[in-house]
Amino acid sequence: MTMKFGILASAQYPFEEDLQTRLGELWDLTEHAASLDYDSIFMINHFMGNLQTPQTISTTAKLIQHSGNMTVGTGILLLPLFHPVHIAEEFATLDHLAKGRLVLGVGAGYRDNEFQAFGLDKTRRFSRMRESIELIRALWTGEEVNFHGQHFVLENEHIGIRPYQKGGPQIWMGAGAEGSVKRAATVGDAWFAPGNSPKPNWTETAMGWHDEALVEAGKSREGREYPIIVQLFCGETTESAQEMALPYVQDSYFAYAEYSQLSWQRTAFEYLKDNVFLIGSPDDLTRQIKELEAIGFNHIVFRPFWTGMPPEMAHRSVSLFAEEVMPRFRGAEEAGK
C-alpha cells in the first residue's frame, strides 16, 4: 500500500484566545491541505480540559465541508464516554455527509476527570469500548438488533439511518499498552498507533504485538491501513525547523503534563525532542518516515500546529512537506497515472 499522509486537527487553544479566529484558521488549513493532496484529516476528542477544545462530532461535520477529497475521521473519539446507539446514529449521518470518506477512530481514554464527570467507572472502559464496537457494527447492518451485554441492552431495535458505506465506516482503534494493541488487531479495522512513546524501540515492539495478534486471529496484513500519529514540522533545514517549532511543541506538551497521566511528557521532553519528534528538513523527515515505513506503518498522520503557533507557520510547514517529502513516497504511483 502506498504511503498516505494526513493531518491531525488538534484543536486545543488557551482560553484567552478568540475561538472564532482559531476555528477559521483550522478551516483554512484544512482547505490548504486538501489542495495539496493530503489524504486525510482527523479530529481529537476531550472533555473538561485545561484548554478550550471544540467537540469532535460537530467539528468533524464542519471539517467535512472543507476537506475536499480527504478521508475525514476522529483521532480519536473517547468511545467509553458515549452511548453506542448515539455514536452509531451520529457516524452513520456523518458518513452520508462525507459520502463514504469517513473513519471512526476510537480509544478508551485516560483522564480521570472525564470519567468522573460522566459518572463512569474508568476501570471498565475497555469492556465498555469493546461492547460498544460490537453494538455499533450490529446497528450499522440496518437489521433488527437484539443485544444483551454487560453495559448495553437493545430489544428488537434498528438504526434510524443506515451508513453510506455498506456495513459502516472503518473503526480504527487507538492503543498503546500491549493488551490494547492486540485488541486493536483482533477487534478493529486498523490500529491507530501513538507515535510519541518515550520508550526506546516502542514502535517496533508494539508492531510485533499487533502482528502476532493478527496472525493468531487468522487475519492478514494485506490491505490493512497502519496509521500512526506523529509530531511533525518541516523546515528548510533541521536547525530552522527546530528553532521555529520546538517552543510551541514544548508549551503544548507542558500543558498536557498538568494531567497526572501525562506528567511524563514534561520529564521525557528532551528525549522526545531528540529521538521521537519529526521536526526537521525534508531530507531528515524522509529518513525518519522511511524508518516508520520499514516497521510497517503506511499512513502518517501528523499534528501540524501547537498551542500559540501562528497559522502562517503551520501553512509553510504543510506546504513544504507536501512539495518536498510526499512526492518521494508517491513518485511511482503518480507516474503511473
C-alpha atoms as a PDB file:
ATOM      1  CA  MET A   1       0.000   0.000   0.000  1.00  0.00           C
ATOM      2  CA  THR A   2       1.369   3.417  -0.979  1.00  0.00           C
ATOM      3  CA  MET A   3       2.202   5.675   1.952  1.00  0.00           C
ATOM      4  CA  LYS A   4      -0.579   8.095   2.879  1.00  0.00           C
ATOM      5  CA  PHE A   5      -0.308  11.413   4.671  1.00  0.00           C
ATOM      6  CA  GLY A   6      -2.845  13.198   6.833  1.00  0.00           C
ATOM      7  CA  ILE A   7      -3.093  15.906   9.445  1.00  0.00           C
ATOM      8  CA  LEU A   8      -4.418  15.860  12.991  1.00  0.00           C
ATOM      9  CA  ALA A   9      -6.746  18.719  13.840  1.00  0.00           C
ATOM     10  CA  SER A  10      -5.541  19.016  17.410  1.00  0.00           C
ATOM     11  CA  ALA A  11      -7.837  21.950  18.062  1.00  0.00           C
ATOM     12  CA  GLN A  12      -6.878  22.933  21.610  1.00  0.00           C
ATOM     13  CA  TYR A  13      -6.432  26.591  22.443  1.00  0.00           C
ATOM     14  CA  PRO A  14      -5.765  28.689  25.554  1.00  0.00           C
ATOM     15  CA  PHE A  15      -8.957  30.163  26.971  1.00  0.00           C
ATOM     16  CA  GLU A  16      -7.768  33.712  26.386  1.00  0.00           C
ATOM     17  CA  GLU A  17      -7.592  33.166  22.601  1.00  0.00           C
ATOM     18  CA  ASP A  18     -10.529  34.007  20.348  1.00  0.00           C
ATOM     19  CA  LEU A  19     -12.060  30.690  19.316  1.00  0.00           C
ATOM     20  CA  GLN A  20     -13.771  32.089  16.228  1.00  0.00           C
ATOM     21  CA  THR A  21     -10.412  33.213  14.876  1.00  0.00           C
ATOM     22  CA  ARG A  22      -8.746  29.885  15.652  1.00  0.00           C
ATOM     23  CA  LEU A  23     -11.548  27.856  14.085  1.00  0.00           C
ATOM     24  CA  GLY A  24     -11.355  29.976  10.950  1.00  0.00           C
ATOM     25  CA  GLU A  25      -7.639  29.195  10.791  1.00  0.00           C
ATOM     26  CA  LEU A  26      -8.432  25.490  11.127  1.00  0.00           C
ATOM     27  CA  TRP A  27     -10.900  25.574   8.225  1.00  0.00           C
ATOM     28  CA  ASP A  28      -8.305  27.427   6.123  1.00  0.00           C
ATOM     29  CA  LEU A  29      -5.590  24.910   6.964  1.00  0.00           C
ATOM     30  CA  THR A  30      -7.929  22.035   6.107  1.00  0.00           C
ATOM     31  CA  GLU A  31      -8.675  23.521   2.690  1.00  0.00           C
ATOM     32  CA  HIS A  32      -4.969  24.169   2.170  1.00  0.00           C
ATOM     33  CA  ALA A  33      -4.116  20.533   2.959  1.00  0.00           C
ATOM     34  CA  ALA A  34      -6.855  19.318   0.617  1.00  0.00           C
ATOM     35  CA  SER A  35      -5.450  21.493  -2.194  1.00  0.00           C
ATOM     36  CA  LEU A  36      -2.031  19.888  -1.631  1.00  0.00           C
ATOM     37  CA  ASP A  37      -3.478  16.347  -1.992  1.00  0.00           C
ATOM     38  CA  TYR A  38      -3.164  15.238   1.594  1.00  0.00           C
ATOM     39  CA  ASP A  39      -5.081  12.028   2.170  1.00  0.00           C
ATOM     40  CA  SER A  40      -6.827  12.583   5.491  1.00  0.00           C
ATOM     41  CA  ILE A  41      -7.703  14.783   8.433  1.00  0.00           C
ATOM     42  CA  PHE A  42      -8.637  13.602  11.930  1.00  0.00           C
ATOM     43  CA  MET A  43     -10.244  15.448  14.842  1.00  0.00           C
ATOM     44  CA  ILE A  44      -9.372  14.933  18.513  1.00  0.00           C
ATOM     45  CA  ASN A  45     -11.792  14.495  21.427  1.00  0.00           C
ATOM     46  CA  HIS A  46     -11.618  15.586  25.070  1.00  0.00           C
ATOM     47  CA  PHE A  47     -13.929  16.939  27.769  1.00  0.00           C
ATOM     48  CA  MET A  48     -13.389  19.225  30.762  1.00  0.00           C
ATOM     49  CA  GLY A  49      -9.917  20.204  29.530  1.00  0.00           C
ATOM     50  CA  ASN A  50      -7.398  22.832  30.593  1.00  0.00           C
ATOM     51  CA  LEU A  51      -7.517  24.159  27.002  1.00  0.00           C
ATOM     52  CA  GLN A  52     -10.676  25.132  25.096  1.00  0.00           C
ATOM     53  CA  THR A  53     -11.415  22.154  22.875  1.00  0.00           C
ATOM     54  CA  PRO A  54     -14.287  22.138  20.350  1.00  0.00           C
ATOM     55  CA  GLN A  55     -16.273  18.910  20.447  1.00  0.00           C
ATOM     56  CA  THR A  56     -15.393  16.269  17.931  1.00  0.00           C
ATOM     57  CA  ILE A  57     -18.695  15.241  16.300  1.00  0.00           C
ATOM     58  CA  SER A  58     -19.862  18.740  15.415  1.00  0.00           C
ATOM     59  CA  THR A  59     -16.356  19.833  14.403  1.00  0.00           C
ATOM     60  CA  THR A  60     -15.910  16.751  12.226  1.00  0.00           C
ATOM     61  CA  ALA A  61     -19.151  17.639  10.432  1.00  0.00           C
ATOM     62  CA  LYS A  62     -17.726  21.097   9.708  1.00  0.00           C
ATOM     63  CA  LEU A  63     -14.365  19.680   8.597  1.00  0.00           C
ATOM     64  CA  ILE A  64     -16.156  17.549   6.002  1.00  0.00           C
ATOM     65  CA  GLN A  65     -17.279  20.763   4.291  1.00  0.00           C
ATOM     66  CA  HIS A  66     -13.676  21.942   3.910  1.00  0.00           C
ATOM     67  CA  SER A  67     -11.914  18.627   3.281  1.00  0.00           C
ATOM     68  CA  GLY A  68     -12.149  18.170  -0.478  1.00  0.00           C
ATOM     69  CA  ASN A  69     -11.499  14.501  -1.228  1.00  0.00           C
ATOM     70  CA  MET A  70      -9.680  13.739   2.001  1.00  0.00           C
ATOM     71  CA  THR A  71     -10.766  10.986   4.356  1.00  0.00           C
ATOM     72  CA  VAL A  72     -12.214  12.580   7.498  1.00  0.00           C
ATOM     73  CA  GLY A  73     -12.299  10.932  10.887  1.00  0.00           C
ATOM     74  CA  THR A  74     -11.827  11.077  14.614  1.00  0.00           C
ATOM     75  CA  GLY A  75      -8.395  10.674  16.045  1.00  0.00           C
ATOM     76  CA  ILE A  76      -9.670   9.684  18.484  1.00  0.00           C
ATOM     77  CA  LEU A  77     -13.209   9.601  19.912  1.00  0.00           C
ATOM     78  CA  LEU A  78     -13.322   8.511  23.563  1.00  0.00           C
ATOM     79  CA  LEU A  79     -15.868   5.794  22.940  1.00  0.00           C
ATOM     80  CA  PRO A  80     -16.479   4.634  26.550  1.00  0.00           C
ATOM     81  CA  LEU A  81     -17.792   8.125  27.368  1.00  0.00           C
ATOM     82  CA  PHE A  82     -20.610   7.806  24.803  1.00  0.00           C
ATOM     83  CA  HIS A  83     -23.585   5.531  24.316  1.00  0.00           C
ATOM     84  CA  PRO A  84     -23.032   3.312  21.253  1.00  0.00           C
ATOM     85  CA  VAL A  85     -26.536   3.994  19.872  1.00  0.00           C
ATOM     86  CA  HIS A  86     -25.668   7.699  19.819  1.00  0.00           C
ATOM     87  CA  ILE A  87     -22.364   7.053  18.028  1.00  0.00           C
ATOM     88  CA  ALA A  88     -23.908   4.603  15.548  1.00  0.00           C
ATOM     89  CA  GLU A  89     -26.523   7.162  14.516  1.00  0.00           C
ATOM     90  CA  GLU A  90     -24.178  10.175  14.516  1.00  0.00           C
ATOM     91  CA  PHE A  91     -21.487   8.486  12.447  1.00  0.00           C
ATOM     92  CA  ALA A  92     -23.985   6.987  10.031  1.00  0.00           C
ATOM     93  CA  THR A  93     -25.132  10.573   9.473  1.00  0.00           C
ATOM     94  CA  LEU A  94     -21.556  11.858   9.123  1.00  0.00           C
ATOM     95  CA  ASP A  95     -20.863   9.045   6.672  1.00  0.00           C
ATOM     96  CA  HIS A  96     -23.590  10.439   4.409  1.00  0.00           C
ATOM     97  CA  LEU A  97     -22.289  13.987   4.790  1.00  0.00           C
ATOM     98  CA  ALA A  98     -18.838  12.728   3.754  1.00  0.00           C
ATOM     99  CA  LYS A  99     -20.223  10.391   1.060  1.00  0.00           C
ATOM    100  CA  GLY A 100     -18.242   7.499   2.470  1.00  0.00           C
ATOM    101  CA  ARG A 101     -14.998   9.363   3.256  1.00  0.00           C
ATOM    102  CA  LEU A 102     -15.368   8.694   6.980  1.00  0.00           C
ATOM    103  CA  VAL A 103     -13.375   6.751   9.576  1.00  0.00           C
ATOM    104  CA  LEU A 104     -14.446   6.269  13.191  1.00  0.00           C
ATOM    105  CA  GLY A 105     -11.262   6.348  15.255  1.00  0.00           C
ATOM    106  CA  VAL A 106     -11.838   5.325  18.867  1.00  0.00           C
ATOM    107  CA  GLY A 107      -9.905   4.951  22.082  1.00  0.00           C
ATOM    108  CA  ALA A 108     -10.518   4.068  25.710  1.00  0.00           C
ATOM    109  CA  GLY A 109      -9.457   7.370  27.279  1.00  0.00           C
ATOM    110  CA  TYR A 110      -7.140   8.020  30.201  1.00  0.00           C
ATOM    111  CA  ARG A 111      -8.090  11.222  32.041  1.00  0.00           C
ATOM    112  CA  ASP A 112      -9.659  10.541  35.430  1.00  0.00           C
ATOM    113  CA  ASN A 113     -11.712  13.739  35.448  1.00  0.00           C
ATOM    114  CA  GLU A 114     -13.519  12.827  32.222  1.00  0.00           C
ATOM    115  CA  PHE A 115     -14.810   9.542  33.605  1.00  0.00           C
ATOM    116  CA  GLN A 116     -15.704  11.183  36.913  1.00  0.00           C
ATOM    117  CA  ALA A 117     -17.656  13.899  35.102  1.00  0.00           C
ATOM    118  CA  PHE A 118     -19.736  11.296  33.258  1.00  0.00           C
ATOM    119  CA  GLY A 119     -20.198   9.129  36.344  1.00  0.00           C
ATOM    120  CA  LEU A 120     -18.429   6.179  34.745  1.00  0.00           C
ATOM    121  CA  ASP A 121     -16.067   3.603  36.200  1.00  0.00           C
ATOM    122  CA  LYS A 122     -12.749   4.102  34.422  1.00  0.00           C
ATOM    123  CA  THR A 123     -11.641   0.551  35.220  1.00  0.00           C
ATOM    124  CA  ARG A 124     -14.431  -0.788  32.975  1.00  0.00           C
ATOM    125  CA  ARG A 125     -13.562   1.353  29.960  1.00  0.00           C
ATOM    126  CA  PHE A 126     -12.056  -1.457  27.902  1.00  0.00           C
ATOM    127  CA  SER A 127     -15.018  -3.800  28.216  1.00  0.00           C
ATOM    128  CA  ARG A 128     -17.354  -0.872  27.591  1.00  0.00           C
ATOM    129  CA  MET A 129     -15.436   0.076  24.434  1.00  0.00           C
ATOM    130  CA  ARG A 130     -15.355  -3.468  23.065  1.00  0.00           C
ATOM    131  CA  GLU A 131     -19.067  -3.921  23.677  1.00  0.00           C
ATOM    132  CA  SER A 132     -19.785  -0.549  22.090  1.00  0.00           C
ATOM    133  CA  ILE A 133     -17.937  -1.522  18.912  1.00  0.00           C
ATOM    134  CA  GLU A 134     -19.879  -4.777  18.698  1.00  0.00           C
ATOM    135  CA  LEU A 135     -23.205  -2.993  19.081  1.00  0.00           C
ATOM    136  CA  ILE A 136     -22.311  -0.182  16.649  1.00  0.00           C
ATOM    137  CA  ARG A 137     -21.393  -2.685  13.957  1.00  0.00           C
ATOM    138  CA  ALA A 138     -24.598  -4.623  14.547  1.00  0.00           C
ATOM    139  CA  LEU A 139     -26.652  -1.446  14.187  1.00  0.00           C
ATOM    140  CA  TRP A 140     -24.793  -0.415  11.038  1.00  0.00           C
ATOM    141  CA  THR A 141     -26.079  -3.524   9.253  1.00  0.00           C
ATOM    142  CA  GLY A 142     -29.504  -1.872   9.267  1.00  0.00           C
ATOM    143  CA  GLU A 143     -31.049  -5.087  10.511  1.00  0.00           C
ATOM    144  CA  GLU A 144     -33.048  -5.551  13.691  1.00  0.00           C
ATOM    145  CA  VAL A 145     -30.756  -5.875  16.686  1.00  0.00           C
ATOM    146  CA  ASN A 146     -31.192  -7.834  19.887  1.00  0.00           C
ATOM    147  CA  PHE A 147     -28.226  -7.169  22.139  1.00  0.00           C
ATOM    148  CA  HIS A 148     -27.652  -8.197  25.737  1.00  0.00           C
ATOM    149  CA  GLY A 149     -24.302  -7.078  27.107  1.00  0.00           C
ATOM    150  CA  GLN A 150     -22.785  -6.108  30.440  1.00  0.00           C
ATOM    151  CA  HIS A 151     -23.262  -2.421  29.675  1.00  0.00           C
ATOM    152  CA  PHE A 152     -25.923  -2.114  26.981  1.00  0.00           C
ATOM    153  CA  VAL A 153     -29.198  -3.836  26.101  1.00  0.00           C
ATOM    154  CA  LEU A 154     -31.342  -3.462  22.967  1.00  0.00           C
ATOM    155  CA  GLU A 155     -34.536  -5.334  22.187  1.00  0.00           C
ATOM    156  CA  ASN A 156     -35.798  -5.559  18.595  1.00  0.00           C
ATOM    157  CA  GLU A 157     -34.369  -2.203  17.504  1.00  0.00           C
ATOM    158  CA  HIS A 158     -32.810  -0.989  14.273  1.00  0.00           C
ATOM    159  CA  ILE A 159     -30.850   2.124  13.409  1.00  0.00           C
ATOM    160  CA  GLY A 160     -32.687   5.217  12.204  1.00  0.00           C
ATOM    161  CA  ILE A 161     -30.179   5.930   9.413  1.00  0.00           C
ATOM    162  CA  ARG A 162     -28.033   3.378   7.630  1.00  0.00           C
ATOM    163  CA  PRO A 163     -24.452   4.412   6.855  1.00  0.00           C
ATOM    164  CA  TYR A 164     -23.405   5.482   3.361  1.00  0.00           C
ATOM    165  CA  GLN A 165     -20.714   2.779   3.349  1.00  0.00           C
ATOM    166  CA  LYS A 166     -22.032  -0.776   3.402  1.00  0.00           C
ATOM    167  CA  GLY A 167     -21.533  -2.046   6.925  1.00  0.00           C
ATOM    168  CA  GLY A 168     -20.458   1.402   8.072  1.00  0.00           C
ATOM    169  CA  PRO A 169     -17.154   3.277   8.298  1.00  0.00           C
ATOM    170  CA  GLN A 170     -13.976   1.505   9.286  1.00  0.00           C
ATOM    171  CA  ILE A 171     -13.243   1.571  13.004  1.00  0.00           C
ATOM    172  CA  TRP A 172      -9.644   2.380  13.909  1.00  0.00           C
ATOM    173  CA  MET A 173      -8.590   1.747  17.496  1.00  0.00           C
ATOM    174  CA  GLY A 174      -6.053   3.874  19.303  1.00  0.00           C
ATOM    175  CA  ALA A 175      -3.909   1.806  21.654  1.00  0.00           C
ATOM    176  CA  GLY A 176      -0.561   1.899  23.445  1.00  0.00           C
ATOM    177  CA  ALA A 177      -0.470  -0.890  26.034  1.00  0.00           C
ATOM    178  CA  GLU A 178       0.229  -4.443  24.874  1.00  0.00           C
ATOM    179  CA  GLY A 179      -3.257  -5.786  25.557  1.00  0.00           C
ATOM    180  CA  SER A 180      -4.888  -2.815  23.867  1.00  0.00           C
ATOM    181  CA  VAL A 181      -2.663  -3.072  20.795  1.00  0.00           C
ATOM    182  CA  LYS A 182      -3.540  -6.747  20.435  1.00  0.00           C
ATOM    183  CA  ARG A 183      -7.217  -5.893  20.892  1.00  0.00           C
ATOM    184  CA  ALA A 184      -6.924  -3.367  18.066  1.00  0.00           C
ATOM    185  CA  ALA A 185      -5.649  -6.133  15.803  1.00  0.00           C
ATOM    186  CA  THR A 186      -8.497  -8.503  16.562  1.00  0.00           C
ATOM    187  CA  VAL A 187     -11.405  -6.071  17.049  1.00  0.00           C
ATOM    188  CA  GLY A 188     -10.510  -3.007  14.976  1.00  0.00           C
ATOM    189  CA  ASP A 189     -10.190  -2.477  11.252  1.00  0.00           C
ATOM    190  CA  ALA A 190      -6.871  -0.740  11.969  1.00  0.00           C
ATOM    191  CA  TRP A 191      -4.589   0.074  14.872  1.00  0.00           C
ATOM    192  CA  PHE A 192      -4.235   3.863  15.247  1.00  0.00           C
ATOM    193  CA  ALA A 193      -0.768   3.991  16.787  1.00  0.00           C
ATOM    194  CA  PRO A 194       0.506   6.789  19.037  1.00  0.00           C
ATOM    195  CA  GLY A 195       3.875   7.966  17.783  1.00  0.00           C
ATOM    196  CA  ASN A 196       5.183   9.735  20.863  1.00  0.00           C
ATOM    197  CA  SER A 197       6.179   6.956  23.251  1.00  0.00           C
ATOM    198  CA  PRO A 198       9.199   7.760  25.446  1.00  0.00           C
ATOM    199  CA  LYS A 199      10.232   4.088  25.426  1.00  0.00           C
ATOM    200  CA  PRO A 200      13.118   3.197  23.074  1.00  0.00           C
ATOM    201  CA  ASN A 201      12.118   0.944  20.149  1.00  0.00           C
ATOM    202  CA  TRP A 202       8.495   1.032  21.270  1.00  0.00           C
ATOM    203  CA  THR A 203       7.065   1.253  17.734  1.00  0.00           C
ATOM    204  CA  GLU A 204       8.889  -1.901  16.649  1.00  0.00           C
ATOM    205  CA  THR A 205       7.856  -3.747  19.796  1.00  0.00           C
ATOM    206  CA  ALA A 206       4.222  -2.665  19.521  1.00  0.00           C
ATOM    207  CA  MET A 207       4.039  -3.593  15.850  1.00  0.00           C
ATOM    208  CA  GLY A 208       5.235  -7.042  16.887  1.00  0.00           C
ATOM    209  CA  TRP A 209       2.396  -7.296  19.422  1.00  0.00           C
ATOM    210  CA  HIS A 210      -0.085  -6.233  16.776  1.00  0.00           C
ATOM    211  CA  ASP A 211       1.065  -8.610  14.068  1.00  0.00           C
ATOM    212  CA  GLU A 212       1.300 -11.524  16.491  1.00  0.00           C
ATOM    213  CA  ALA A 213      -2.346 -10.996  17.451  1.00  0.00           C
ATOM    214  CA  LEU A 214      -3.283 -10.574  13.786  1.00  0.00           C
ATOM    215  CA  VAL A 215      -1.770 -13.959  12.920  1.00  0.00           C
ATOM    216  CA  GLU A 216      -3.429 -15.643  15.907  1.00  0.00           C
ATOM    217  CA  ALA A 217      -6.777 -14.253  14.723  1.00  0.00           C
ATOM    218  CA  GLY A 218      -6.203 -15.615  11.220  1.00  0.00           C
ATOM    219  CA  LYS A 219      -6.108 -12.126   9.700  1.00  0.00           C
ATOM    220  CA  SER A 220      -3.758 -10.775   7.038  1.00  0.00           C
ATOM    221  CA  ARG A 221      -1.775  -7.529   6.871  1.00  0.00           C
ATOM    222  CA  GLU A 222      -2.736  -7.281   3.200  1.00  0.00           C
ATOM    223  CA  GLY A 223      -4.892  -4.252   2.502  1.00  0.00           C
ATOM    224  CA  ARG A 224      -4.877  -3.000   6.102  1.00  0.00           C
ATOM    225  CA  GLU A 225      -4.000   0.551   6.964  1.00  0.00           C
ATOM    226  CA  TYR A 226      -1.341   1.136   9.577  1.00  0.00           C
ATOM    227  CA  PRO A 227      -1.760   4.771  10.691  1.00  0.00           C
ATOM    228  CA  ILE A 228       0.484   6.435  13.235  1.00  0.00           C
ATOM    229  CA  ILE A 229       0.073   9.893  14.790  1.00  0.00           C
ATOM    230  CA  VAL A 230       3.315  11.863  14.998  1.00  0.00           C
ATOM    231  CA  GLN A 231       4.527  15.354  15.864  1.00  0.00           C
ATOM    232  CA  LEU A 232       5.908  16.769  12.590  1.00  0.00           C
ATOM    233  CA  PHE A 233       7.152  20.109  11.362  1.00  0.00           C
ATOM    234  CA  CYS A 234       9.025  20.690   8.118  1.00  0.00           C
ATOM    235  CA  GLY A 235      11.556  23.475   7.640  1.00  0.00           C
ATOM    236  CA  GLU A 236      14.219  24.324   5.074  1.00  0.00           C
ATOM    237  CA  THR A 237      16.839  22.985   7.489  1.00  0.00           C
ATOM    238  CA  THR A 238      16.570  20.884  10.621  1.00  0.00           C
ATOM    239  CA  GLU A 239      18.017  23.727  12.666  1.00  0.00           C
ATOM    240  CA  SER A 240      15.433  26.244  11.430  1.00  0.00           C
ATOM    241  CA  ALA A 241      12.565  23.758  11.868  1.00  0.00           C
ATOM    242  CA  GLN A 242      13.534  23.105  15.477  1.00  0.00           C
ATOM    243  CA  GLU A 243      14.051  26.781  16.206  1.00  0.00           C
ATOM    244  CA  MET A 244      10.580  27.605  14.860  1.00  0.00           C
ATOM    245  CA  ALA A 245       8.527  24.707  16.165  1.00  0.00           C
ATOM    246  CA  LEU A 246      10.013  23.444  19.431  1.00  0.00           C
ATOM    247  CA  PRO A 247       8.937  26.350  21.667  1.00  0.00           C
ATOM    248  CA  TYR A 248       5.297  25.741  20.655  1.00  0.00           C
ATOM    249  CA  VAL A 249       5.627  21.966  20.964  1.00  0.00           C
ATOM    250  CA  GLN A 250       7.067  22.384  24.459  1.00  0.00           C
ATOM    251  CA  ASP A 251       4.271  24.730  25.536  1.00  0.00           C
ATOM    252  CA  SER A 252       1.688  22.192  24.383  1.00  0.00           C
ATOM    253  CA  TYR A 253       3.395  19.205  25.988  1.00  0.00           C
ATOM    254  CA  PHE A 254       3.863  21.007  29.280  1.00  0.00           C
ATOM    255  CA  ALA A 255       0.159  21.940  29.258  1.00  0.00           C
ATOM    256  CA  TYR A 256      -0.766  18.277  28.751  1.00  0.00           C
ATOM    257  CA  ALA A 257       1.651  17.291  31.525  1.00  0.00           C
ATOM    258  CA  GLU A 258      -0.654  19.014  34.009  1.00  0.00           C
ATOM    259  CA  TYR A 259      -2.740  15.830  33.802  1.00  0.00           C
ATOM    260  CA  SER A 260      -1.166  13.270  36.126  1.00  0.00           C
ATOM    261  CA  GLN A 261      -1.456  10.556  33.492  1.00  0.00           C
ATOM    262  CA  LEU A 262       0.700  12.659  31.141  1.00  0.00           C
ATOM    263  CA  SER A 263       3.247  14.046  33.613  1.00  0.00           C
ATOM    264  CA  TRP A 264       5.900  12.078  31.713  1.00  0.00           C
ATOM    265  CA  GLN A 265       5.527  14.481  28.780  1.00  0.00           C
ATOM    266  CA  ARG A 266       7.416  17.081  30.822  1.00  0.00           C
ATOM    267  CA  THR A 267      10.105  14.812  32.251  1.00  0.00           C
ATOM    268  CA  ALA A 268      10.678  12.990  28.933  1.00  0.00           C
ATOM    269  CA  PHE A 269      10.508  16.048  26.689  1.00  0.00           C
ATOM    270  CA  GLU A 270      14.229  16.195  25.927  1.00  0.00           C
ATOM    271  CA  TYR A 271      14.225  12.521  24.949  1.00  0.00           C
ATOM    272  CA  LEU A 272      11.174  13.008  22.740  1.00  0.00           C
ATOM    273  CA  LYS A 273      12.745  16.073  21.118  1.00  0.00           C
ATOM    274  CA  ASP A 274      15.947  14.213  20.291  1.00  0.00           C
ATOM    275  CA  ASN A 275      14.576  10.774  19.418  1.00  0.00           C
ATOM    276  CA  VAL A 276      10.865  10.794  18.621  1.00  0.00           C
ATOM    277  CA  PHE A 277       9.555  14.043  17.134  1.00  0.00           C
ATOM    278  CA  LEU A 278       9.744  14.501  13.364  1.00  0.00           C
ATOM    279  CA  ILE A 279      10.922  18.099  13.249  1.00  0.00           C
ATOM    280  CA  GLY A 280      13.467  18.788  10.551  1.00  0.00           C
ATOM    281  CA  SER A 281      14.428  19.292   6.932  1.00  0.00           C
ATOM    282  CA  PRO A 282      12.795  17.413   4.039  1.00  0.00           C
ATOM    283  CA  ASP A 283      15.761  15.037   3.910  1.00  0.00           C
ATOM    284  CA  ASP A 284      15.682  14.279   7.635  1.00  0.00           C
ATOM    285  CA  LEU A 285      11.900  13.793   7.617  1.00  0.00           C
ATOM    286  CA  THR A 286      12.170  11.474   4.617  1.00  0.00           C
ATOM    287  CA  ARG A 287      14.698   9.348   6.506  1.00  0.00           C
ATOM    288  CA  GLN A 288      12.509   9.188   9.619  1.00  0.00           C
ATOM    289  CA  ILE A 289       9.380   8.316   7.659  1.00  0.00           C
ATOM    290  CA  LYS A 290      11.229   5.575   5.798  1.00  0.00           C
ATOM    291  CA  GLU A 291      12.124   4.123   9.202  1.00  0.00           C
ATOM    292  CA  LEU A 292       8.444   4.090  10.154  1.00  0.00           C
ATOM    293  CA  GLU A 293       7.596   2.579   6.770  1.00  0.00           C
ATOM    294  CA  ALA A 294      10.149  -0.183   7.364  1.00  0.00           C
ATOM    295  CA  ILE A 295       8.437  -1.011  10.669  1.00  0.00           C
ATOM    296  CA  GLY A 296       5.146  -1.398   8.789  1.00  0.00           C
ATOM    297  CA  PHE A 297       3.306   1.926   9.000  1.00  0.00           C
ATOM    298  CA  ASN A 298       1.689   3.203   5.809  1.00  0.00           C
ATOM    299  CA  HIS A 299      -0.324   6.259   6.894  1.00  0.00           C
ATOM    300  CA  ILE A 300       1.424   9.166   8.608  1.00  0.00           C
ATOM    301  CA  VAL A 301      -0.990  11.469  10.442  1.00  0.00           C
ATOM    302  CA  PHE A 302       0.764  14.486  11.895  1.00  0.00           C
ATOM    303  CA  ARG A 303      -0.077  17.383  14.103  1.00  0.00           C
ATOM    304  CA  PRO A 304       0.691  20.496  12.011  1.00  0.00           C
ATOM    305  CA  PHE A 305       0.422  23.142  14.757  1.00  0.00           C
ATOM    306  CA  TRP A 306       0.713  23.537  18.506  1.00  0.00           C
ATOM    307  CA  THR A 307      -0.526  25.977  21.129  1.00  0.00           C
ATOM    308  CA  GLY A 308       0.202  29.535  20.089  1.00  0.00           C
ATOM    309  CA  MET A 309       1.802  28.785  16.723  1.00  0.00           C
ATOM    310  CA  PRO A 310       0.996  31.425  14.067  1.00  0.00           C
ATOM    311  CA  PRO A 311      -1.147  29.902  11.298  1.00  0.00           C
ATOM    312  CA  GLU A 312       1.215  31.048   8.540  1.00  0.00           C
ATOM    313  CA  MET A 313       3.985  28.981  10.122  1.00  0.00           C
ATOM    314  CA  ALA A 314       1.815  25.853  10.015  1.00  0.00           C
ATOM    315  CA  HIS A 315       0.863  26.609   6.396  1.00  0.00           C
ATOM    316  CA  ARG A 316       4.525  26.865   5.366  1.00  0.00           C
ATOM    317  CA  SER A 317       5.383  23.553   7.007  1.00  0.00           C
ATOM    318  CA  VAL A 318       2.385  21.754   5.477  1.00  0.00           C
ATOM    319  CA  SER A 319       3.256  23.198   2.039  1.00  0.00           C
ATOM    320  CA  LEU A 320       6.973  22.387   2.194  1.00  0.00           C
ATOM    321  CA  PHE A 321       6.251  18.846   3.361  1.00  0.00           C
ATOM    322  CA  ALA A 322       3.781  18.300   0.503  1.00  0.00           C
ATOM    323  CA  GLU A 323       6.181  19.720  -2.059  1.00  0.00           C
ATOM    324  CA  GLU A 324       9.436  18.137  -0.898  1.00  0.00           C
ATOM    325  CA  VAL A 325       8.621  14.966   1.058  1.00  0.00           C
ATOM    326  CA  MET A 326       5.323  13.470  -0.095  1.00  0.00           C
ATOM    327  CA  PRO A 327       6.426  13.042  -3.749  1.00  0.00           C
ATOM    328  CA  ARG A 328       9.342  10.866  -2.601  1.00  0.00           C
ATOM    329  CA  PHE A 329       6.809   8.299  -1.384  1.00  0.00           C
ATOM    330  CA  ARG A 330       4.265   8.751  -4.170  1.00  0.00           C
ATOM    331  CA  GLY A 331       6.534   9.031  -7.186  1.00  0.00           C
ATOM    332  CA  ALA A 332       5.860   5.622  -8.745  1.00  0.00           C
ATOM    333  CA  GLU A 333       2.121   5.867  -8.166  1.00  0.00           C
ATOM    334  CA  GLU A 334       1.855   9.386  -9.610  1.00  0.00           C
ATOM    335  CA  ALA A 335       3.978   8.475 -12.613  1.00  0.00           C
ATOM    336  CA  GLY A 336       1.572   5.686 -13.471  1.00  0.00           C
ATOM    337  CA  LYS A 337      -1.468   7.959 -13.579  1.00  0.00           C
END
